[in-house]
C-alpha atoms as a PDB file:
ATOM      1  CA  MET A   1      94.042 272.776 147.801  1.00  0.00           C
ATOM      2  CA  ASP A   2      90.354 273.419 147.143  1.00  0.00           C
ATOM      3  CA  GLY A   3      87.840 270.754 148.045  1.00  0.00           C
ATOM      4  CA  ILE A   4      85.007 269.400 145.941  1.00  0.00           C
ATOM      5  CA  LYS A   5      82.493 272.189 146.517  1.00  0.00           C
ATOM      6  CA  GLU A   6      85.070 274.900 145.767  1.00  0.00           C
ATOM      7  CA  LEU A   7      85.714 273.288 142.376  1.00  0.00           C
ATOM      8  CA  LEU A   8      82.377 271.831 141.326  1.00  0.00           C
ATOM      9  CA  ASP A   9      78.717 272.830 141.522  1.00  0.00           C
ATOM     10  CA  LEU A  10      77.091 269.532 142.408  1.00  0.00           C
ATOM     11  CA  THR A  11      73.638 270.797 141.416  1.00  0.00           C
ATOM     12  CA  HIS A  12      74.723 270.401 137.785  1.00  0.00           C
ATOM     13  CA  THR A  13      75.250 266.641 137.656  1.00  0.00           C
ATOM     14  CA  ARG A  14      73.364 263.441 138.362  1.00  0.00           C
ATOM     15  CA  ALA A  15      76.508 262.229 140.114  1.00  0.00           C
ATOM     16  CA  ALA A  16      76.253 264.474 143.199  1.00  0.00           C
ATOM     17  CA  GLU A  17      75.731 261.439 145.459  1.00  0.00           C
ATOM     18  CA  LEU A  18      78.988 259.962 144.193  1.00  0.00           C
ATOM     19  CA  PHE A  19      80.989 262.726 145.893  1.00  0.00           C
ATOM     20  CA  GLU A  20      79.402 262.357 149.318  1.00  0.00           C
ATOM     21  CA  GLY A  21      81.899 261.629 152.078  1.00  0.00           C
ATOM     22  CA  LYS A  22      84.887 262.368 149.854  1.00  0.00           C
ATOM     23  CA  ARG A  23      87.448 265.124 150.363  1.00  0.00           C
ATOM     24  CA  TYR A  24      88.920 265.370 146.867  1.00  0.00           C
ATOM     25  CA  PRO A  25      87.018 264.902 143.596  1.00  0.00           C
ATOM     26  CA  TRP A  26      89.408 262.306 142.149  1.00  0.00           C
ATOM     27  CA  GLU A  27      88.346 259.935 144.938  1.00  0.00           C
ATOM     28  CA  ALA A  28      85.146 259.428 142.911  1.00  0.00           C
ATOM     29  CA  LEU A  29      86.960 257.997 139.893  1.00  0.00           C
ATOM     30  CA  SER A  30      87.059 254.459 141.272  1.00  0.00           C
ATOM     31  CA  ASP A  31      83.292 254.356 141.710  1.00  0.00           C
ATOM     32  CA  ILE A  32      82.004 255.753 138.401  1.00  0.00           C
ATOM     33  CA  ALA A  33      81.158 252.429 136.756  1.00  0.00           C
ATOM     34  CA  ASP A  34      79.272 251.033 139.749  1.00  0.00           C
ATOM     35  CA  PHE A  35      77.433 254.330 140.219  1.00  0.00           C
ATOM     36  CA  ILE A  36      76.214 254.357 136.606  1.00  0.00           C
ATOM     37  CA  LEU A  37      75.007 250.765 136.858  1.00  0.00           C
ATOM     38  CA  LYS A  38      73.108 251.674 140.018  1.00  0.00           C
ATOM     39  CA  LEU A  39      71.645 254.920 138.642  1.00  0.00           C
ATOM     40  CA  GLY A  40      70.734 253.740 135.158  1.00  0.00           C
ATOM     41  CA  PRO A  41      67.833 251.409 136.057  1.00  0.00           C
ATOM     42  CA  THR A  42      66.224 254.213 138.104  1.00  0.00           C
ATOM     43  CA  LEU A  43      66.038 256.623 135.154  1.00  0.00           C
ATOM     44  CA  PRO A  44      62.476 257.150 133.842  1.00  0.00           C
ATOM     45  CA  ALA A  45      61.709 254.775 130.980  1.00  0.00           C
ATOM     46  CA  ASP A  46      59.622 257.455 129.259  1.00  0.00           C
ATOM     47  CA  GLU A  47      62.687 259.737 129.161  1.00  0.00           C
ATOM     48  CA  PHE A  48      65.569 257.303 128.561  1.00  0.00           C
ATOM     49  CA  ASP A  49      66.150 254.506 126.097  1.00  0.00           C
ATOM     50  CA  ASN A  50      68.165 251.442 127.132  1.00  0.00           C
ATOM     51  CA  PRO A  51      69.556 250.327 123.750  1.00  0.00           C
ATOM     52  CA  SER A  52      72.010 247.837 125.211  1.00  0.00           C
ATOM     53  CA  GLU A  53      72.895 246.411 128.589  1.00  0.00           C
ATOM     54  CA  GLY A  54      74.370 249.099 130.841  1.00  0.00           C
ATOM     55  CA  VAL A  55      73.708 252.004 128.441  1.00  0.00           C
ATOM     56  CA  TRP A  56      71.019 254.648 128.951  1.00  0.00           C
ATOM     57  CA  ILE A  57      70.447 257.469 126.459  1.00  0.00           C
ATOM     58  CA  ALA A  58      67.952 260.309 126.882  1.00  0.00           C
ATOM     59  CA  LYS A  59      65.315 260.289 124.163  1.00  0.00           C
ATOM     60  CA  ASP A  60      66.065 263.934 123.336  1.00  0.00           C
ATOM     61  CA  ALA A  61      69.836 263.386 123.078  1.00  0.00           C
ATOM     62  CA  LYS A  62      71.321 263.385 119.588  1.00  0.00           C
ATOM     63  CA  VAL A  63      73.650 260.463 118.915  1.00  0.00           C
ATOM     64  CA  PHE A  64      75.171 260.148 115.452  1.00  0.00           C
ATOM     65  CA  PRO A  65      74.931 256.646 113.932  1.00  0.00           C
ATOM     66  CA  SER A  66      78.731 256.376 113.698  1.00  0.00           C
ATOM     67  CA  ALA A  67      79.268 257.025 117.428  1.00  0.00           C
ATOM     68  CA  TYR A  68      80.199 254.134 119.733  1.00  0.00           C
ATOM     69  CA  ILE A  69      78.840 254.046 123.287  1.00  0.00           C
ATOM     70  CA  GLY A  70      80.190 251.279 125.490  1.00  0.00           C
ATOM     71  CA  ALA A  71      78.751 250.213 128.837  1.00  0.00           C
ATOM     72  CA  PRO A  72      78.319 251.441 131.408  1.00  0.00           C
ATOM     73  CA  ALA A  73      77.245 254.870 130.200  1.00  0.00           C
ATOM     74  CA  ILE A  74      74.548 257.487 130.639  1.00  0.00           C
ATOM     75  CA  ILE A  75      73.907 260.192 128.042  1.00  0.00           C
ATOM     76  CA  ASP A  76      71.651 262.830 129.589  1.00  0.00           C
ATOM     77  CA  HIS A  77      69.009 265.164 128.168  1.00  0.00           C
ATOM     78  CA  GLY A  78      69.975 267.419 125.293  1.00  0.00           C
ATOM     79  CA  ALA A  79      73.466 265.971 124.904  1.00  0.00           C
ATOM     80  CA  GLU A  80      75.007 265.574 121.463  1.00  0.00           C
ATOM     81  CA  VAL A  81      77.370 262.716 120.634  1.00  0.00           C
ATOM     82  CA  ARG A  82      78.813 263.449 117.228  1.00  0.00           C
ATOM     83  CA  HIS A  83      80.376 261.574 114.310  1.00  0.00           C
ATOM     84  CA  CYS A  84      82.827 258.820 115.300  1.00  0.00           C
ATOM     85  CA  ALA A  85      82.839 259.683 119.006  1.00  0.00           C
ATOM     86  CA  PHE A  86      84.246 256.765 121.018  1.00  0.00           C
ATOM     87  CA  ILE A  87      82.784 256.414 124.504  1.00  0.00           C
ATOM     88  CA  ARG A  88      84.685 253.444 125.912  1.00  0.00           C
ATOM     89  CA  GLY A  89      82.559 253.090 129.031  1.00  0.00           C
ATOM     90  CA  SER A  90      82.228 254.302 132.609  1.00  0.00           C
ATOM     91  CA  ALA A  91      81.052 257.654 131.250  1.00  0.00           C
ATOM     92  CA  LEU A  92      78.336 259.890 132.646  1.00  0.00           C
ATOM     93  CA  VAL A  93      77.666 262.616 130.084  1.00  0.00           C
ATOM     94  CA  GLY A  94      75.561 265.415 131.556  1.00  0.00           C
ATOM     95  CA  LYS A  95      72.733 267.509 130.185  1.00  0.00           C
ATOM     96  CA  ASN A  96      73.437 269.539 127.023  1.00  0.00           C
ATOM     97  CA  CYS A  97      77.009 268.257 126.733  1.00  0.00           C
ATOM     98  CA  VAL A  98      78.823 268.002 123.423  1.00  0.00           C
ATOM     99  CA  VAL A  99      81.000 264.976 122.691  1.00  0.00           C
ATOM    100  CA  GLY A 100      82.488 265.849 119.338  1.00  0.00           C
ATOM    101  CA  ASN A 101      83.901 264.173 116.293  1.00  0.00           C
ATOM    102  CA  SER A 102      86.566 261.563 117.081  1.00  0.00           C
ATOM    103  CA  VAL A 103      86.480 262.395 120.802  1.00  0.00           C
ATOM    104  CA  GLU A 104      87.328 259.538 123.166  1.00  0.00           C
ATOM    105  CA  LEU A 105      85.934 259.320 126.701  1.00  0.00           C
ATOM    106  CA  LYS A 106      86.855 256.742 129.329  1.00  0.00           C
ATOM    107  CA  ASN A 107      85.961 256.658 133.050  1.00  0.00           C
ATOM    108  CA  VAL A 108      84.716 260.233 133.205  1.00  0.00           C
ATOM    109  CA  ILE A 109      82.030 262.474 134.588  1.00  0.00           C
ATOM    110  CA  LEU A 110      81.019 265.387 132.402  1.00  0.00           C
ATOM    111  CA  PHE A 111      78.885 267.820 134.368  1.00  0.00           C
ATOM    112  CA  ASP A 112      76.049 269.594 132.549  1.00  0.00           C
ATOM    113  CA  ASN A 113      76.893 271.847 129.572  1.00  0.00           C
ATOM    114  CA  VAL A 114      80.449 270.557 129.172  1.00  0.00           C
ATOM    115  CA  GLN A 115      81.933 270.761 125.682  1.00  0.00           C
ATOM    116  CA  THR A 116      84.551 268.349 124.337  1.00  0.00           C
ATOM    117  CA  PRO A 117      83.839 269.150 120.697  1.00  0.00           C
ATOM    118  CA  HIS A 118      86.894 268.325 118.574  1.00  0.00           C
ATOM    119  CA  TYR A 119      89.507 265.549 118.752  1.00  0.00           C
ATOM    120  CA  ASN A 120      89.772 265.402 122.534  1.00  0.00           C
ATOM    121  CA  TYR A 121      90.850 262.517 124.758  1.00  0.00           C
ATOM    122  CA  VAL A 122      89.376 262.658 128.254  1.00  0.00           C
ATOM    123  CA  GLY A 123      90.245 259.746 130.509  1.00  0.00           C
ATOM    124  CA  ASP A 124      89.945 259.187 134.277  1.00  0.00           C
ATOM    125  CA  SER A 125      88.839 262.786 134.666  1.00  0.00           C
ATOM    126  CA  ILE A 126      85.994 264.991 135.902  1.00  0.00           C
ATOM    127  CA  LEU A 127      84.941 268.074 133.962  1.00  0.00           C
ATOM    128  CA  GLY A 128      82.894 270.674 135.837  1.00  0.00           C
ATOM    129  CA  TYR A 129      79.820 272.620 134.743  1.00  0.00           C
ATOM    130  CA  LYS A 130      80.267 274.592 131.505  1.00  0.00           C
ATOM    131  CA  SER A 131      83.935 273.644 131.162  1.00  0.00           C
ATOM    132  CA  HIS A 132      85.300 273.517 127.620  1.00  0.00           C
ATOM    133  CA  MET A 133      88.154 271.609 126.014  1.00  0.00           C
ATOM    134  CA  GLY A 134      89.578 273.389 122.977  1.00  0.00           C
ATOM    135  CA  ALA A 135      90.238 271.446 119.788  1.00  0.00           C
ATOM    136  CA  GLY A 136      92.949 268.827 120.208  1.00  0.00           C
ATOM    137  CA  SER A 137      93.369 269.334 123.956  1.00  0.00           C
ATOM    138  CA  ILE A 138      93.693 266.139 125.997  1.00  0.00           C
ATOM    139  CA  THR A 139      94.014 264.742 129.475  1.00  0.00           C
ATOM    140  CA  SER A 140      97.072 262.553 129.925  1.00  0.00           C
ATOM    141  CA  ASN A 141      96.051 259.996 132.519  1.00  0.00           C
ATOM    142  CA  VAL A 142      99.146 257.792 133.045  1.00  0.00           C
ATOM    143  CA  LYS A 143     102.666 258.893 133.977  1.00  0.00           C
ATOM    144  CA  SER A 144     105.437 257.838 131.602  1.00  0.00           C
ATOM    145  CA  ASP A 145     107.183 255.912 134.403  1.00  0.00           C
ATOM    146  CA  LYS A 146     103.866 254.267 135.412  1.00  0.00           C
ATOM    147  CA  THR A 147     104.203 255.364 139.054  1.00  0.00           C
ATOM    148  CA  LEU A 148     101.193 256.545 141.062  1.00  0.00           C
ATOM    149  CA  VAL A 149      99.863 260.007 140.271  1.00  0.00           C
ATOM    150  CA  CYS A 150     100.392 262.846 142.748  1.00  0.00           C
ATOM    151  CA  VAL A 151      98.821 266.300 142.767  1.00  0.00           C
ATOM    152  CA  LYS A 152     101.318 269.120 143.215  1.00  0.00           C
ATOM    153  CA  THR A 153      99.791 272.045 145.116  1.00  0.00           C
ATOM    154  CA  GLY A 154     101.027 275.250 146.666  1.00  0.00           C
ATOM    155  CA  GLU A 155     100.894 273.542 150.071  1.00  0.00           C
ATOM    156  CA  GLY A 156     102.736 270.401 149.007  1.00  0.00           C
ATOM    157  CA  ILE A 157     102.144 267.100 147.263  1.00  0.00           C
ATOM    158  CA  ILE A 158      98.959 265.064 147.675  1.00  0.00           C
ATOM    159  CA  GLU A 159      99.211 261.321 147.051  1.00  0.00           C
ATOM    160  CA  THR A 160      96.186 260.028 145.121  1.00  0.00           C
ATOM    161  CA  GLY A 161      96.995 256.310 145.190  1.00  0.00           C
ATOM    162  CA  ARG A 162      95.905 256.090 141.564  1.00  0.00           C
ATOM    163  CA  LYS A 163      97.902 254.879 138.589  1.00  0.00           C
ATOM    164  CA  LYS A 164      95.380 256.452 136.227  1.00  0.00           C
ATOM    165  CA  PHE A 165      94.165 259.991 136.870  1.00  0.00           C
ATOM    166  CA  GLY A 166      93.923 262.679 134.228  1.00  0.00           C
ATOM    167  CA  ALA A 167      92.483 266.025 135.322  1.00  0.00           C
ATOM    168  CA  ILE A 168      89.810 267.774 137.319  1.00  0.00           C
ATOM    169  CA  LEU A 169      88.367 270.883 135.681  1.00  0.00           C
ATOM    170  CA  GLY A 170      86.414 273.220 137.902  1.00  0.00           C
ATOM    171  CA  ASP A 171      83.271 274.908 136.655  1.00  0.00           C
ATOM    172  CA  CYS A 172      83.628 277.212 133.638  1.00  0.00           C
ATOM    173  CA  VAL A 173      87.260 276.311 132.891  1.00  0.00           C
ATOM    174  CA  GLU A 174      88.470 277.052 129.348  1.00  0.00           C
ATOM    175  CA  VAL A 175      91.289 274.871 128.008  1.00  0.00           C
ATOM    176  CA  GLY A 176      93.039 276.236 124.932  1.00  0.00           C
ATOM    177  CA  CYS A 177      93.566 274.237 121.736  1.00  0.00           C
ATOM    178  CA  ASN A 178      96.210 271.505 121.644  1.00  0.00           C
ATOM    179  CA  SER A 179      96.966 271.747 125.354  1.00  0.00           C
ATOM    180  CA  VAL A 180      98.015 268.731 127.409  1.00  0.00           C
ATOM    181  CA  LEU A 181      96.772 268.380 130.967  1.00  0.00           C
ATOM    182  CA  ASN A 182      99.344 266.084 132.566  1.00  0.00           C
ATOM    183  CA  PRO A 183      98.339 263.422 135.120  1.00  0.00           C
ATOM    184  CA  GLY A 184      97.057 264.986 138.335  1.00  0.00           C
ATOM    185  CA  SER A 185      96.150 268.406 136.928  1.00  0.00           C
ATOM    186  CA  VAL A 186      93.500 270.263 138.957  1.00  0.00           C
ATOM    187  CA  ILE A 187      92.209 273.500 137.423  1.00  0.00           C
ATOM    188  CA  GLY A 188      90.249 275.912 139.611  1.00  0.00           C
ATOM    189  CA  ARG A 189      86.939 277.493 138.659  1.00  0.00           C
ATOM    190  CA  ASN A 190      86.754 280.173 135.943  1.00  0.00           C
ATOM    191  CA  THR A 191      90.362 279.676 134.861  1.00  0.00           C
ATOM    192  CA  ASN A 192      91.652 279.948 131.293  1.00  0.00           C
ATOM    193  CA  ILE A 193      94.482 277.814 129.936  1.00  0.00           C
ATOM    194  CA  TYR A 194      96.427 279.254 126.999  1.00  0.00           C
ATOM    195  CA  PRO A 195      96.598 277.176 123.808  1.00  0.00           C
ATOM    196  CA  LEU A 196      99.566 274.799 123.434  1.00  0.00           C
ATOM    197  CA  SER A 197     100.044 274.673 127.207  1.00  0.00           C
ATOM    198  CA  ARG A 198     101.575 271.828 129.217  1.00  0.00           C
ATOM    199  CA  VAL A 199      99.831 271.873 132.567  1.00  0.00           C
ATOM    200  CA  ARG A 200     100.795 269.985 135.719  1.00  0.00           C
ATOM    201  CA  GLY A 201      99.517 270.213 139.275  1.00  0.00           C
ATOM    202  CA  GLU A 202      97.110 272.731 140.750  1.00  0.00           C
ATOM    203  CA  VAL A 203      96.137 275.916 138.901  1.00  0.00           C
ATOM    204  CA  PRO A 204      94.276 278.483 141.041  1.00  0.00           C
ATOM    205  CA  ALA A 205      90.708 279.562 140.397  1.00  0.00           C
ATOM    206  CA  ASN A 206      89.992 282.787 138.494  1.00  0.00           C
ATOM    207  CA  SER A 207      93.374 282.856 136.816  1.00  0.00           C
ATOM    208  CA  ILE A 208      95.000 282.761 133.384  1.00  0.00           C
ATOM    209  CA  TYR A 209      97.615 280.076 132.789  1.00  0.00           C
ATOM    210  CA  LYS A 210     100.076 281.422 130.232  1.00  0.00           C
ATOM    211  CA  ASP A 211     102.965 279.055 130.928  1.00  0.00           C
ATOM    212  CA  GLU A 212     104.533 277.197 133.832  1.00  0.00           C
ATOM    213  CA  GLY A 213     105.510 279.910 136.294  1.00  0.00           C
ATOM    214  CA  ASP A 214     103.406 282.511 134.473  1.00  0.00           C
ATOM    215  CA  ILE A 215      99.934 282.345 135.987  1.00  0.00           C
ATOM    216  CA  VAL A 216      98.140 285.647 136.521  1.00  0.00           C
ATOM    217  CA  PRO A 217      94.864 286.520 138.249  1.00  0.00           C
ATOM    218  CA  LYS A 218      91.928 287.482 136.076  1.00  0.00           C
ATOM    219  CA  LYS A 219      91.018 291.140 136.327  1.00  0.00           C
END
């Protein structure tokens, strides 16, 4: 199982400090809200607006009037939050990200240049630099039996201790349209997920996920 630095380039997020002292990236999920509330007041007032308590939006970000941004949240430089986006809170949206029409975010970190452009749900998840969620793809963050989420890896099962945990996408991951990332999915860097996929557990870096049991290395 890859660690944080094998999955994520921490130079492409304001949340790098949040991962210090942690072995696995999902360990940061519990601390997102407090981290945003600590970071927000330190952001330069000439670069960020503070339109409501616990919300900071870069002056050069584009936020459509119909979008909802709940606290705590940070929307970084160059980001675009489109029509009817629903940011429920505990969301750090990185530089040049796209949060598209009718997209819902909750307790997430989007590294810089992440795209969630069309009808995505991303909850209790971390999306690495330049990762992309195809239209209609979602993270499922709670198991149907409501038990704690585990991560299934090639070396065994890792207990997370979390009831809510969606997915970790490494840098430059491409998720195909209408795919479901089941609770505890961890996708390695530079991996492509076929459309209409049902993903569970660890998917290696630099691979193509065609179906469960059909994962091939990129050439």
